Amino acid sequence: MCETLDGDPDAMREFASRIEPPAAVTEPPGPEPCAGGMQACGTFAAADAVATLALAEFLAETRDAITALREAAAAAAADYQAGDDAGARAFTFLPGEE
């Protein structure tokens, strides 16, 4: 069990600023005739389209998850910094002083 919290707000902010979600995948092109008369061209093109759509969906979900992770890291940094600041203020002023 964790007995202490020892976060590094600067490292959290740096992490949040460096992480980038993946780029989106464009829609697959429509099936086109294969050059050279490839056998099963339609089947190959359909499989390619299905795979491209699955990849696009995966990358969209990954992009959303990375964006949430970046936001959580930034929020954690702010929370840690606020706690550090509050702790520092508690040692700076005696009770009843401002």
Protein backbone atom coordinates (compact mmCIF):
# COMPACT_ATOMS: atom_id res chain seq x y z
CA MET A 1 0.00 0.00 0.00
CA CYS A 2 1.23 3.48 -0.80
CA GLU A 3 2.05 5.46 2.32
CA THR A 4 3.34 8.61 0.64
CA LEU A 5 2.81 10.48 -2.59
CA ASP A 6 5.88 11.84 -4.27
CA GLY A 7 4.94 13.24 -7.66
CA ASP A 8 7.02 15.48 -9.87
CA PRO A 9 4.68 18.13 -11.37
CA ASP A 10 7.35 19.34 -13.81
CA ALA A 11 7.85 15.82 -15.16
CA MET A 12 4.07 15.37 -15.43
CA ARG A 13 3.71 18.63 -17.36
CA GLU A 14 6.59 17.67 -19.65
CA PHE A 15 5.01 14.27 -20.30
CA ALA A 16 1.65 15.88 -21.05
CA SER A 17 3.25 18.32 -23.49
CA ARG A 18 5.22 15.62 -25.35
CA ILE A 19 2.61 12.92 -25.86
CA GLU A 20 0.85 13.21 -29.21
CA PRO A 21 -2.11 11.20 -30.44
CA PRO A 22 -1.72 9.33 -33.75
CA ALA A 23 -2.89 10.88 -36.98
CA ALA A 24 -6.23 9.87 -38.41
CA VAL A 25 -6.49 7.35 -41.21
CA THR A 26 -8.40 8.52 -44.23
CA GLU A 27 -11.22 6.48 -45.67
CA PRO A 28 -9.99 3.65 -47.87
CA PRO A 29 -10.22 4.16 -51.60
CA GLY A 30 -12.99 2.36 -53.41
CA PRO A 31 -12.18 -0.97 -54.98
CA GLU A 32 -10.27 -0.39 -58.19
CA PRO A 33 -9.32 -2.89 -60.82
CA CYS A 34 -5.93 -4.40 -60.15
CA ALA A 35 -3.30 -3.75 -62.78
CA GLY A 36 -2.09 -6.80 -64.63
CA GLY A 37 -5.27 -8.82 -64.17
CA MET A 38 -4.58 -10.07 -60.67
CA GLN A 39 -6.80 -12.99 -59.76
CA ALA A 40 -9.16 -12.33 -56.82
CA CYS A 41 -8.62 -8.60 -57.15
CA GLY A 42 -12.08 -7.80 -55.76
CA THR A 43 -11.54 -10.00 -52.73
CA PHE A 44 -8.15 -8.44 -52.08
CA ALA A 45 -9.52 -4.89 -52.45
CA ALA A 46 -12.44 -5.67 -50.11
CA ALA A 47 -10.12 -7.15 -47.48
CA ASP A 48 -7.90 -4.08 -47.77
CA ALA A 49 -10.90 -1.77 -47.27
CA VAL A 50 -12.07 -3.73 -44.19
CA ALA A 51 -8.57 -3.69 -42.69
CA THR A 52 -8.20 0.04 -43.33
CA LEU A 53 -11.54 0.76 -41.64
CA ALA A 54 -10.54 -1.40 -38.64
CA LEU A 55 -7.22 0.45 -38.40
CA ALA A 56 -9.01 3.81 -38.61
CA GLU A 57 -11.34 2.78 -35.76
CA PHE A 58 -8.42 1.55 -33.63
CA LEU A 59 -6.45 4.76 -34.18
CA ALA A 60 -9.49 6.90 -33.35
CA GLU A 61 -9.93 5.01 -30.06
CA THR A 62 -6.19 5.27 -29.37
CA ARG A 63 -6.25 9.00 -30.14
CA ASP A 64 -9.10 9.47 -27.65
CA ALA A 65 -7.27 7.43 -24.98
CA ILE A 66 -4.02 9.36 -25.47
CA THR A 67 -5.87 12.67 -25.29
CA ALA A 68 -7.47 11.54 -22.00
CA LEU A 69 -4.06 10.45 -20.69
CA ARG A 70 -2.53 13.81 -21.58
CA GLU A 71 -5.38 15.63 -19.80
CA ALA A 72 -5.04 13.37 -16.74
CA ALA A 73 -1.28 14.00 -16.54
CA ALA A 74 -1.82 17.77 -16.77
CA ALA A 75 -4.54 17.62 -14.08
CA ALA A 76 -2.33 15.48 -11.82
CA ALA A 77 0.51 17.99 -12.22
CA ALA A 78 -1.83 20.82 -11.23
CA ASP A 79 -3.10 18.85 -8.21
CA TYR A 80 0.43 18.00 -7.05
CA GLN A 81 1.54 21.61 -7.53
CA ALA A 82 -1.45 22.88 -5.54
CA GLY A 83 -0.61 20.44 -2.75
CA ASP A 84 3.05 21.46 -2.79
CA ASP A 85 2.08 25.13 -2.67
CA ALA A 86 -0.39 24.57 0.18
CA GLY A 87 2.23 22.65 2.14
CA ALA A 88 4.79 25.39 1.60
CA ARG A 89 2.33 28.03 2.76
CA ALA A 90 1.62 26.02 5.92
CA PHE A 91 5.30 26.26 6.87
CA THR A 92 5.66 29.88 5.82
CA PHE A 93 2.91 31.40 7.99
CA LEU A 94 2.05 30.77 11.59
CA PRO A 95 -1.60 30.20 12.45
CA GLY A 96 -3.47 33.49 12.57
CA GLU A 97 -1.01 35.30 10.26
CA GLU A 98 -1.68 36.21 6.66
